[in-house]
Amino acid sequence: MAALRDIKRKITAVQKTKQITRAMNMVAASKLRTSQTRMENFRPYAVKFMDVLKSLALRVDPNIHPLLAVREPKRIRVICMTSDRGLCGGYNSNIIRTTERLFKDRLSKGKELSLIAVGKKGRDYFRRKANIINQYVEVFRKFDMSLAQAIGEDVIPSFIAEEYDELYLIYSEFVSMPVQRPVAVRLLPIPSVGVDEDVEPDKRVDYIYEPSEELLLDQLLPMYIRVLIYRALLETSAGENAARMMAMDNATSNCDEMIQTLTLNFNKARQAAITKELMDIVGGTEALKG
């Protein structure tokens, strides 16, 4: 009977866990709808902004603005975006592995690296493994463009002051509900600056700029950094909620399977106990007859 009580206790514990995972799944689904809508509304703007700026940058001298300066990349700074909370499967692990691969590749070439951690999970992991210049934690509950502007103000003056030579942004791009793909984007200097892209003539857009290209770059380049950072924040938020929703859905399914297995074991143990009691009764009856 002790074994039956233990199995029943396990079934009750798994049922309570299932209630928690189901509730977390519903909360993640609710947050996902909001974050995915924000991301999808902003993504076309970010893509078109990048196209216009790169087209403008192709037509100017890279030395016209300090944010376009191409230097020998001796010192590299990385912005790593992870979530603040766990329970989202391998979401954060994939971003951290991508960051570690970049670090390993650059360190093998003798580069000096520093890190800006956005998100508690990345900060905690790299605390003793990297030179963390700044950190932004507990920011994904509620954020807007002001957060991207704060991060931009953290990296732009440092690049102009030549404290580092290249800036990379690593985050998880939201592809679909089950797929979030870690990407590493070089923010500074802009990859296409000063070179002619291999683009078909009928697909090349020639913009007319007013005022001058130099004045526009002075305004647009800092905005370019903020736009890409804000897009990465939105992608990270949507990807985190999607990953957590999928993880909690899988956890709920696993709880159902465990309950079925434990119930089957409980029924087998109870049947064995009943059979044993019947055997004892029959054996006692036969003994009395003898």
C-alpha atoms as a PDB file:
ATOM      1  CA  MET A   1       0.000   0.000   0.000  1.00  0.00           C
ATOM      2  CA  ALA A   2       2.976   2.294   0.564  1.00  0.00           C
ATOM      3  CA  ALA A   3       3.887   1.956  -3.121  1.00  0.00           C
ATOM      4  CA  LEU A   4       0.347   2.907  -4.129  1.00  0.00           C
ATOM      5  CA  ARG A   5       0.494   6.039  -1.957  1.00  0.00           C
ATOM      6  CA  ASP A   6       3.831   7.040  -3.508  1.00  0.00           C
ATOM      7  CA  ILE A   7       2.492   6.636  -7.054  1.00  0.00           C
ATOM      8  CA  LYS A   8      -0.652   8.590  -6.204  1.00  0.00           C
ATOM      9  CA  ARG A   9       1.471  11.351  -4.684  1.00  0.00           C
ATOM     10  CA  LYS A  10       3.540  11.531  -7.884  1.00  0.00           C
ATOM     11  CA  ILE A  11       0.399  11.736 -10.015  1.00  0.00           C
ATOM     12  CA  THR A  12      -0.884  14.637  -7.915  1.00  0.00           C
ATOM     13  CA  ALA A  13       2.471  16.455  -8.190  1.00  0.00           C
ATOM     14  CA  VAL A  14       2.579  16.034 -11.989  1.00  0.00           C
ATOM     15  CA  GLN A  15      -1.014  17.284 -12.280  1.00  0.00           C
ATOM     16  CA  LYS A  16      -0.087  20.446 -10.375  1.00  0.00           C
ATOM     17  CA  THR A  17       2.962  20.916 -12.596  1.00  0.00           C
ATOM     18  CA  LYS A  18       0.722  20.533 -15.640  1.00  0.00           C
ATOM     19  CA  GLN A  19      -1.536  23.309 -14.352  1.00  0.00           C
ATOM     20  CA  ILE A  20       1.481  25.603 -14.012  1.00  0.00           C
ATOM     21  CA  THR A  21       2.869  24.827 -17.474  1.00  0.00           C
ATOM     22  CA  ARG A  22      -0.535  25.272 -19.075  1.00  0.00           C
ATOM     23  CA  ALA A  23      -0.962  28.659 -17.365  1.00  0.00           C
ATOM     24  CA  MET A  24       2.519  29.752 -18.466  1.00  0.00           C
ATOM     25  CA  ASN A  25       1.720  28.644 -22.010  1.00  0.00           C
ATOM     26  CA  MET A  26      -1.396  30.827 -22.038  1.00  0.00           C
ATOM     27  CA  VAL A  27       0.505  33.829 -20.635  1.00  0.00           C
ATOM     28  CA  ALA A  28       3.274  33.411 -23.238  1.00  0.00           C
ATOM     29  CA  ALA A  29       0.667  33.130 -26.019  1.00  0.00           C
ATOM     30  CA  SER A  30      -0.965  36.363 -24.876  1.00  0.00           C
ATOM     31  CA  LYS A  31       2.366  38.213 -24.747  1.00  0.00           C
ATOM     32  CA  LEU A  32       3.394  36.741 -28.097  1.00  0.00           C
ATOM     33  CA  ARG A  33       0.421  38.273 -29.890  1.00  0.00           C
ATOM     34  CA  THR A  34       1.391  41.740 -28.680  1.00  0.00           C
ATOM     35  CA  SER A  35       5.140  41.420 -29.269  1.00  0.00           C
ATOM     36  CA  GLN A  36       4.712  39.770 -32.691  1.00  0.00           C
ATOM     37  CA  THR A  37       2.373  42.534 -33.844  1.00  0.00           C
ATOM     38  CA  ARG A  38       4.881  45.215 -32.783  1.00  0.00           C
ATOM     39  CA  MET A  39       7.711  43.370 -34.508  1.00  0.00           C
ATOM     40  CA  GLU A  40       5.821  42.811 -37.778  1.00  0.00           C
ATOM     41  CA  ASN A  41       4.703  46.446 -37.897  1.00  0.00           C
ATOM     42  CA  PHE A  42       8.248  47.756 -37.388  1.00  0.00           C
ATOM     43  CA  ARG A  43      10.159  45.274 -39.573  1.00  0.00           C
ATOM     44  CA  PRO A  44       9.212  46.825 -43.000  1.00  0.00           C
ATOM     45  CA  TYR A  45      10.250  50.271 -41.753  1.00  0.00           C
ATOM     46  CA  ALA A  46      13.613  48.955 -40.553  1.00  0.00           C
ATOM     47  CA  VAL A  47      14.272  47.115 -43.829  1.00  0.00           C
ATOM     48  CA  LYS A  48      13.434  50.144 -45.983  1.00  0.00           C
ATOM     49  CA  PHE A  49      15.459  52.437 -43.722  1.00  0.00           C
ATOM     50  CA  MET A  50      18.495  50.178 -44.177  1.00  0.00           C
ATOM     51  CA  ASP A  51      18.028  50.153 -47.964  1.00  0.00           C
ATOM     52  CA  VAL A  52      17.856  53.948 -48.178  1.00  0.00           C
ATOM     53  CA  LEU A  53      20.846  54.493 -45.904  1.00  0.00           C
ATOM     54  CA  LYS A  54      23.030  51.936 -47.667  1.00  0.00           C
ATOM     55  CA  SER A  55      22.119  53.469 -51.011  1.00  0.00           C
ATOM     56  CA  LEU A  56      23.114  56.875 -49.684  1.00  0.00           C
ATOM     57  CA  ALA A  57      26.317  55.560 -48.108  1.00  0.00           C
ATOM     58  CA  LEU A  58      27.429  54.045 -51.420  1.00  0.00           C
ATOM     59  CA  ARG A  59      27.592  57.518 -52.963  1.00  0.00           C
ATOM     60  CA  VAL A  60      29.772  59.256 -50.382  1.00  0.00           C
ATOM     61  CA  ASP A  61      33.350  59.185 -49.208  1.00  0.00           C
ATOM     62  CA  PRO A  62      33.707  56.908 -46.127  1.00  0.00           C
ATOM     63  CA  ASN A  63      35.764  59.645 -44.434  1.00  0.00           C
ATOM     64  CA  ILE A  64      32.895  62.110 -44.595  1.00  0.00           C
ATOM     65  CA  HIS A  65      31.491  61.013 -41.220  1.00  0.00           C
ATOM     66  CA  PRO A  66      33.210  59.379 -38.205  1.00  0.00           C
ATOM     67  CA  LEU A  67      30.578  56.607 -38.048  1.00  0.00           C
ATOM     68  CA  LEU A  68      31.616  55.532 -41.565  1.00  0.00           C
ATOM     69  CA  ALA A  69      35.303  55.281 -40.731  1.00  0.00           C
ATOM     70  CA  VAL A  70      36.746  51.889 -41.668  1.00  0.00           C
ATOM     71  CA  ARG A  71      39.667  51.059 -39.386  1.00  0.00           C
ATOM     72  CA  GLU A  72      41.739  47.978 -38.815  1.00  0.00           C
ATOM     73  CA  PRO A  73      39.524  45.919 -36.463  1.00  0.00           C
ATOM     74  CA  LYS A  74      41.810  45.488 -33.475  1.00  0.00           C
ATOM     75  CA  ARG A  75      39.132  46.113 -30.833  1.00  0.00           C
ATOM     76  CA  ILE A  76      35.665  44.663 -31.292  1.00  0.00           C
ATOM     77  CA  ARG A  77      32.544  45.321 -29.255  1.00  0.00           C
ATOM     78  CA  VAL A  78      29.528  42.992 -29.234  1.00  0.00           C
ATOM     79  CA  ILE A  79      25.933  43.637 -28.170  1.00  0.00           C
ATOM     80  CA  CYS A  80      24.453  40.309 -27.064  1.00  0.00           C
ATOM     81  CA  MET A  81      20.666  40.179 -26.593  1.00  0.00           C
ATOM     82  CA  THR A  82      19.129  37.389 -24.532  1.00  0.00           C
ATOM     83  CA  SER A  83      15.984  37.126 -22.433  1.00  0.00           C
ATOM     84  CA  ASP A  84      15.691  38.122 -18.784  1.00  0.00           C
ATOM     85  CA  ARG A  85      13.908  34.917 -17.792  1.00  0.00           C
ATOM     86  CA  GLY A  86      14.384  31.238 -18.539  1.00  0.00           C
ATOM     87  CA  LEU A  87      11.954  28.371 -19.210  1.00  0.00           C
ATOM     88  CA  CYS A  88      12.132  28.986 -22.966  1.00  0.00           C
ATOM     89  CA  GLY A  89      13.942  25.882 -24.178  1.00  0.00           C
ATOM     90  CA  GLY A  90      17.222  26.374 -25.998  1.00  0.00           C
ATOM     91  CA  TYR A  91      16.464  29.979 -26.974  1.00  0.00           C
ATOM     92  CA  ASN A  92      19.165  31.639 -24.855  1.00  0.00           C
ATOM     93  CA  SER A  93      21.652  28.797 -25.363  1.00  0.00           C
ATOM     94  CA  ASN A  94      21.587  29.294 -29.140  1.00  0.00           C
ATOM     95  CA  ILE A  95      22.320  33.025 -28.813  1.00  0.00           C
ATOM     96  CA  ILE A  96      25.109  32.394 -26.300  1.00  0.00           C
ATOM     97  CA  ARG A  97      26.710  29.765 -28.567  1.00  0.00           C
ATOM     98  CA  THR A  98      26.643  32.196 -31.499  1.00  0.00           C
ATOM     99  CA  THR A  99      28.318  34.841 -29.332  1.00  0.00           C
ATOM    100  CA  GLU A 100      30.938  32.367 -28.118  1.00  0.00           C
ATOM    101  CA  ARG A 101      31.757  31.336 -31.697  1.00  0.00           C
ATOM    102  CA  LEU A 102      32.295  34.977 -32.644  1.00  0.00           C
ATOM    103  CA  PHE A 103      34.482  35.507 -29.574  1.00  0.00           C
ATOM    104  CA  LYS A 104      36.523  32.390 -30.264  1.00  0.00           C
ATOM    105  CA  ASP A 105      37.068  33.321 -33.913  1.00  0.00           C
ATOM    106  CA  ARG A 106      38.154  36.886 -33.141  1.00  0.00           C
ATOM    107  CA  LEU A 107      40.316  35.941 -30.150  1.00  0.00           C
ATOM    108  CA  SER A 108      42.168  33.403 -32.299  1.00  0.00           C
ATOM    109  CA  LYS A 109      43.096  36.333 -34.562  1.00  0.00           C
ATOM    110  CA  GLY A 110      44.436  38.360 -31.659  1.00  0.00           C
ATOM    111  CA  LYS A 111      41.515  40.782 -31.401  1.00  0.00           C
ATOM    112  CA  GLU A 112      40.445  42.519 -28.192  1.00  0.00           C
ATOM    113  CA  LEU A 113      36.768  41.992 -27.367  1.00  0.00           C
ATOM    114  CA  SER A 114      34.268  43.646 -25.079  1.00  0.00           C
ATOM    115  CA  LEU A 115      30.586  42.950 -24.468  1.00  0.00           C
ATOM    116  CA  ILE A 116      27.378  44.857 -23.831  1.00  0.00           C
ATOM    117  CA  ALA A 117      24.864  42.444 -22.304  1.00  0.00           C
ATOM    118  CA  VAL A 118      21.169  43.072 -22.949  1.00  0.00           C
ATOM    119  CA  GLY A 119      19.168  40.556 -20.938  1.00  0.00           C
ATOM    120  CA  LYS A 120      19.859  38.852 -17.637  1.00  0.00           C
ATOM    121  CA  LYS A 121      20.667  35.391 -19.003  1.00  0.00           C
ATOM    122  CA  GLY A 122      23.486  36.608 -21.231  1.00  0.00           C
ATOM    123  CA  ARG A 123      24.827  38.864 -18.472  1.00  0.00           C
ATOM    124  CA  ASP A 124      24.923  35.999 -15.972  1.00  0.00           C
ATOM    125  CA  TYR A 125      26.634  33.642 -18.412  1.00  0.00           C
ATOM    126  CA  PHE A 126      29.365  36.033 -19.578  1.00  0.00           C
ATOM    127  CA  ARG A 127      29.947  37.651 -16.204  1.00  0.00           C
ATOM    128  CA  ARG A 128      33.215  35.772 -15.656  1.00  0.00           C
ATOM    129  CA  LYS A 129      33.985  34.945 -19.306  1.00  0.00           C
ATOM    130  CA  ALA A 130      34.050  38.333 -21.023  1.00  0.00           C
ATOM    131  CA  ASN A 131      34.804  41.984 -20.449  1.00  0.00           C
ATOM    132  CA  ILE A 132      31.295  43.389 -19.901  1.00  0.00           C
ATOM    133  CA  ILE A 133      31.338  47.141 -20.590  1.00  0.00           C
ATOM    134  CA  ASN A 134      27.680  47.741 -19.775  1.00  0.00           C
ATOM    135  CA  GLN A 135      24.518  45.761 -19.065  1.00  0.00           C
ATOM    136  CA  TYR A 136      20.778  46.215 -19.513  1.00  0.00           C
ATOM    137  CA  VAL A 137      18.747  43.704 -17.493  1.00  0.00           C
ATOM    138  CA  GLU A 138      15.053  43.403 -16.643  1.00  0.00           C
ATOM    139  CA  VAL A 139      14.206  45.509 -19.709  1.00  0.00           C
ATOM    140  CA  PHE A 140      11.938  43.218 -21.752  1.00  0.00           C
ATOM    141  CA  ARG A 141       8.829  43.504 -19.589  1.00  0.00           C
ATOM    142  CA  LYS A 142       8.084  46.905 -21.089  1.00  0.00           C
ATOM    143  CA  PHE A 143      10.321  48.822 -23.466  1.00  0.00           C
ATOM    144  CA  ASP A 144      10.166  51.351 -26.290  1.00  0.00           C
ATOM    145  CA  MET A 145      12.518  53.288 -28.557  1.00  0.00           C
ATOM    146  CA  SER A 146      14.071  55.018 -25.535  1.00  0.00           C
ATOM    147  CA  LEU A 147      15.871  51.773 -24.651  1.00  0.00           C
ATOM    148  CA  ALA A 148      17.357  51.550 -28.161  1.00  0.00           C
ATOM    149  CA  GLN A 149      18.353  55.204 -27.893  1.00  0.00           C
ATOM    150  CA  ALA A 150      20.095  54.553 -24.561  1.00  0.00           C
ATOM    151  CA  ILE A 151      22.053  51.640 -26.034  1.00  0.00           C
ATOM    152  CA  GLY A 152      22.875  53.761 -29.082  1.00  0.00           C
ATOM    153  CA  GLU A 153      24.218  56.548 -26.866  1.00  0.00           C
ATOM    154  CA  ASP A 154      26.357  53.904 -25.193  1.00  0.00           C
ATOM    155  CA  VAL A 155      28.040  52.723 -28.418  1.00  0.00           C
ATOM    156  CA  ILE A 156      28.129  55.731 -30.787  1.00  0.00           C
ATOM    157  CA  PRO A 157      30.396  58.111 -28.803  1.00  0.00           C
ATOM    158  CA  SER A 158      32.758  55.209 -28.034  1.00  0.00           C
ATOM    159  CA  PHE A 159      33.118  54.392 -31.733  1.00  0.00           C
ATOM    160  CA  ILE A 160      33.757  58.037 -32.614  1.00  0.00           C
ATOM    161  CA  ALA A 161      36.363  58.209 -29.816  1.00  0.00           C
ATOM    162  CA  GLU A 162      38.022  55.106 -31.354  1.00  0.00           C
ATOM    163  CA  GLU A 163      37.607  53.026 -28.194  1.00  0.00           C
ATOM    164  CA  TYR A 164      36.727  50.129 -30.512  1.00  0.00           C
ATOM    165  CA  ASP A 165      36.800  49.539 -34.277  1.00  0.00           C
ATOM    166  CA  GLU A 166      33.839  47.255 -35.036  1.00  0.00           C
ATOM    167  CA  LEU A 167      30.411  46.782 -33.500  1.00  0.00           C
ATOM    168  CA  TYR A 168      28.407  43.560 -33.791  1.00  0.00           C
ATOM    169  CA  LEU A 169      24.829  42.917 -32.747  1.00  0.00           C
ATOM    170  CA  ILE A 170      23.830  39.330 -31.890  1.00  0.00           C
ATOM    171  CA  TYR A 171      20.166  38.495 -31.369  1.00  0.00           C
ATOM    172  CA  SER A 172      17.585  35.890 -32.326  1.00  0.00           C
ATOM    173  CA  GLU A 173      15.591  36.645 -35.462  1.00  0.00           C
ATOM    174  CA  PHE A 174      11.941  35.597 -35.323  1.00  0.00           C
ATOM    175  CA  VAL A 175      11.304  33.377 -38.346  1.00  0.00           C
ATOM    176  CA  SER A 176       8.189  31.470 -37.260  1.00  0.00           C
ATOM    177  CA  MET A 177       6.621  30.040 -34.132  1.00  0.00           C
ATOM    178  CA  PRO A 178       8.968  27.044 -33.835  1.00  0.00           C
ATOM    179  CA  VAL A 179      12.008  28.731 -35.435  1.00  0.00           C
ATOM    180  CA  GLN A 180      14.092  31.548 -33.926  1.00  0.00           C
ATOM    181  CA  ARG A 181      17.412  31.946 -35.722  1.00  0.00           C
ATOM    182  CA  PRO A 182      20.438  33.561 -34.019  1.00  0.00           C
ATOM    183  CA  VAL A 183      22.098  36.156 -36.241  1.00  0.00           C
ATOM    184  CA  ALA A 184      25.220  38.316 -35.937  1.00  0.00           C
ATOM    185  CA  VAL A 185      24.989  41.700 -37.682  1.00  0.00           C
ATOM    186  CA  ARG A 186      27.834  44.158 -38.059  1.00  0.00           C
ATOM    187  CA  LEU A 187      26.462  47.586 -37.189  1.00  0.00           C
ATOM    188  CA  LEU A 188      29.606  49.684 -37.473  1.00  0.00           C
ATOM    189  CA  PRO A 189      31.044  50.413 -39.873  1.00  0.00           C
ATOM    190  CA  ILE A 190      28.207  49.798 -42.339  1.00  0.00           C
ATOM    191  CA  PRO A 191      29.252  46.804 -44.497  1.00  0.00           C
ATOM    192  CA  SER A 192      28.411  48.369 -47.870  1.00  0.00           C
ATOM    193  CA  VAL A 193      29.945  51.790 -47.308  1.00  0.00           C
ATOM    194  CA  GLY A 194      32.281  53.027 -50.025  1.00  0.00           C
ATOM    195  CA  VAL A 195      31.877  50.046 -52.353  1.00  0.00           C
ATOM    196  CA  ASP A 196      29.623  49.316 -55.285  1.00  0.00           C
ATOM    197  CA  GLU A 197      27.175  46.504 -54.650  1.00  0.00           C
ATOM    198  CA  ASP A 198      26.512  43.806 -57.222  1.00  0.00           C
ATOM    199  CA  VAL A 199      22.893  44.749 -57.813  1.00  0.00           C
ATOM    200  CA  GLU A 200      20.991  44.396 -61.042  1.00  0.00           C
ATOM    201  CA  PRO A 201      20.436  47.818 -62.677  1.00  0.00           C
ATOM    202  CA  ASP A 202      16.653  47.398 -62.862  1.00  0.00           C
ATOM    203  CA  LYS A 203      16.545  46.709 -59.123  1.00  0.00           C
ATOM    204  CA  ARG A 204      18.780  49.638 -58.102  1.00  0.00           C
ATOM    205  CA  VAL A 205      16.849  52.587 -56.706  1.00  0.00           C
ATOM    206  CA  ASP A 206      18.295  56.039 -57.301  1.00  0.00           C
ATOM    207  CA  TYR A 207      17.055  58.446 -54.607  1.00  0.00           C
ATOM    208  CA  ILE A 208      17.069  62.237 -54.803  1.00  0.00           C
ATOM    209  CA  TYR A 209      18.292  63.712 -51.534  1.00  0.00           C
ATOM    210  CA  GLU A 210      17.392  67.080 -50.040  1.00  0.00           C
ATOM    211  CA  PRO A 211      19.280  68.600 -48.229  1.00  0.00           C
ATOM    212  CA  SER A 212      22.792  67.393 -49.052  1.00  0.00           C
ATOM    213  CA  GLU A 213      23.918  63.814 -48.545  1.00  0.00           C
ATOM    214  CA  GLU A 214      26.404  64.904 -45.873  1.00  0.00           C
ATOM    215  CA  LEU A 215      23.757  66.589 -43.742  1.00  0.00           C
ATOM    216  CA  LEU A 216      21.433  63.627 -44.143  1.00  0.00           C
ATOM    217  CA  LEU A 217      24.136  61.186 -43.042  1.00  0.00           C
ATOM    218  CA  ASP A 218      24.781  63.252 -39.939  1.00  0.00           C
ATOM    219  CA  GLN A 219      21.145  62.728 -38.934  1.00  0.00           C
ATOM    220  CA  LEU A 220      20.512  59.268 -40.349  1.00  0.00           C
ATOM    221  CA  LEU A 221      23.569  57.342 -39.158  1.00  0.00           C
ATOM    222  CA  PRO A 222      22.780  57.611 -35.411  1.00  0.00           C
ATOM    223  CA  MET A 223      19.149  56.836 -36.257  1.00  0.00           C
ATOM    224  CA  TYR A 224      20.320  53.790 -38.233  1.00  0.00           C
ATOM    225  CA  ILE A 225      21.969  52.366 -35.104  1.00  0.00           C
ATOM    226  CA  ARG A 226      18.877  52.991 -32.985  1.00  0.00           C
ATOM    227  CA  VAL A 227      16.527  51.490 -35.598  1.00  0.00           C
ATOM    228  CA  LEU A 228      18.508  48.254 -35.885  1.00  0.00           C
ATOM    229  CA  ILE A 229      18.858  47.945 -32.120  1.00  0.00           C
ATOM    230  CA  TYR A 230      15.136  48.522 -31.631  1.00  0.00           C
ATOM    231  CA  ARG A 231      14.317  45.950 -34.294  1.00  0.00           C
ATOM    232  CA  ALA A 232      16.594  43.460 -32.517  1.00  0.00           C
ATOM    233  CA  LEU A 233      14.810  44.187 -29.225  1.00  0.00           C
ATOM    234  CA  LEU A 234      11.426  43.501 -30.840  1.00  0.00           C
ATOM    235  CA  GLU A 235      12.684  40.312 -32.513  1.00  0.00           C
ATOM    236  CA  THR A 236      14.186  39.129 -29.211  1.00  0.00           C
ATOM    237  CA  SER A 237      10.966  39.779 -27.295  1.00  0.00           C
ATOM    238  CA  ALA A 238       8.794  37.966 -29.864  1.00  0.00           C
ATOM    239  CA  GLY A 239      11.231  35.061 -30.126  1.00  0.00           C
ATOM    240  CA  GLU A 240      11.432  34.667 -26.361  1.00  0.00           C
ATOM    241  CA  ASN A 241       7.644  34.459 -25.985  1.00  0.00           C
ATOM    242  CA  ALA A 242       7.345  32.036 -28.909  1.00  0.00           C
ATOM    243  CA  ALA A 243      10.102  29.811 -27.499  1.00  0.00           C
ATOM    244  CA  ARG A 244       8.530  29.853 -24.039  1.00  0.00           C
ATOM    245  CA  MET A 245       5.102  29.052 -25.485  1.00  0.00           C
ATOM    246  CA  MET A 246       6.529  26.055 -27.359  1.00  0.00           C
ATOM    247  CA  ALA A 247       8.532  24.914 -24.330  1.00  0.00           C
ATOM    248  CA  MET A 248       5.515  25.073 -22.030  1.00  0.00           C
ATOM    249  CA  ASP A 249       3.373  23.286 -24.612  1.00  0.00           C
ATOM    250  CA  ASN A 250       5.939  20.481 -24.770  1.00  0.00           C
ATOM    251  CA  ALA A 251       6.132  20.397 -20.973  1.00  0.00           C
ATOM    252  CA  THR A 252       2.337  20.069 -20.756  1.00  0.00           C
ATOM    253  CA  SER A 253       2.409  17.192 -23.237  1.00  0.00           C
ATOM    254  CA  ASN A 254       5.150  15.506 -21.224  1.00  0.00           C
ATOM    255  CA  CYS A 255       3.045  15.874 -18.082  1.00  0.00           C
ATOM    256  CA  ASP A 256       0.128  14.151 -19.845  1.00  0.00           C
ATOM    257  CA  GLU A 257       2.419  11.270 -20.829  1.00  0.00           C
ATOM    258  CA  MET A 258       3.795  10.974 -17.284  1.00  0.00           C
ATOM    259  CA  ILE A 259       0.275  10.960 -15.822  1.00  0.00           C
ATOM    260  CA  GLN A 260      -0.744   8.166 -18.209  1.00  0.00           C
ATOM    261  CA  THR A 261       2.344   6.129 -17.327  1.00  0.00           C
ATOM    262  CA  LEU A 262       1.928   6.673 -13.587  1.00  0.00           C
ATOM    263  CA  THR A 263      -1.799   5.851 -13.773  1.00  0.00           C
ATOM    264  CA  LEU A 264      -0.990   2.616 -15.595  1.00  0.00           C
ATOM    265  CA  ASN A 265       1.606   1.734 -12.947  1.00  0.00           C
ATOM    266  CA  PHE A 266      -0.881   2.627 -10.204  1.00  0.00           C
ATOM    267  CA  ASN A 267      -3.544   0.343 -11.703  1.00  0.00           C
ATOM    268  CA  LYS A 268      -1.025  -2.500 -12.087  1.00  0.00           C
ATOM    269  CA  ALA A 269       0.180  -2.106  -8.500  1.00  0.00           C
ATOM    270  CA  ARG A 270      -3.402  -1.978  -7.194  1.00  0.00           C
ATOM    271  CA  GLN A 271      -4.363  -5.056  -9.205  1.00  0.00           C
ATOM    272  CA  ALA A 272      -1.304  -6.875  -7.870  1.00  0.00           C
ATOM    273  CA  ALA A 273      -2.277  -5.915  -4.312  1.00  0.00           C
ATOM    274  CA  ILE A 274      -5.862  -7.136  -4.843  1.00  0.00           C
ATOM    275  CA  THR A 275      -4.620 -10.394  -6.350  1.00  0.00           C
ATOM    276  CA  LYS A 276      -2.283 -10.915  -3.398  1.00  0.00           C
ATOM    277  CA  GLU A 277      -5.108 -10.334  -0.918  1.00  0.00           C
ATOM    278  CA  LEU A 278      -7.337 -12.801  -2.795  1.00  0.00           C
ATOM    279  CA  MET A 279      -4.567 -15.379  -2.772  1.00  0.00           C
ATOM    280  CA  ASP A 280      -4.174 -14.902   0.977  1.00  0.00           C
ATOM    281  CA  ILE A 281      -7.923 -15.331   1.508  1.00  0.00           C
ATOM    282  CA  VAL A 282      -8.060 -18.446  -0.661  1.00  0.00           C
ATOM    283  CA  GLY A 283      -4.994 -19.866   1.031  1.00  0.00           C
ATOM    284  CA  GLY A 284      -6.507 -19.249   4.458  1.00  0.00           C
ATOM    285  CA  THR A 285      -9.790 -20.853   3.434  1.00  0.00           C
ATOM    286  CA  GLU A 286      -7.994 -23.938   2.121  1.00  0.00           C
ATOM    287  CA  ALA A 287      -6.008 -24.141   5.309  1.00  0.00           C
ATOM    288  CA  LEU A 288      -9.177 -24.083   7.407  1.00  0.00           C
ATOM    289  CA  LYS A 289     -10.720 -26.820   5.281  1.00  0.00           C
ATOM    290  CA  GLY A 290      -7.629 -28.958   5.749  1.00  0.00           C
END
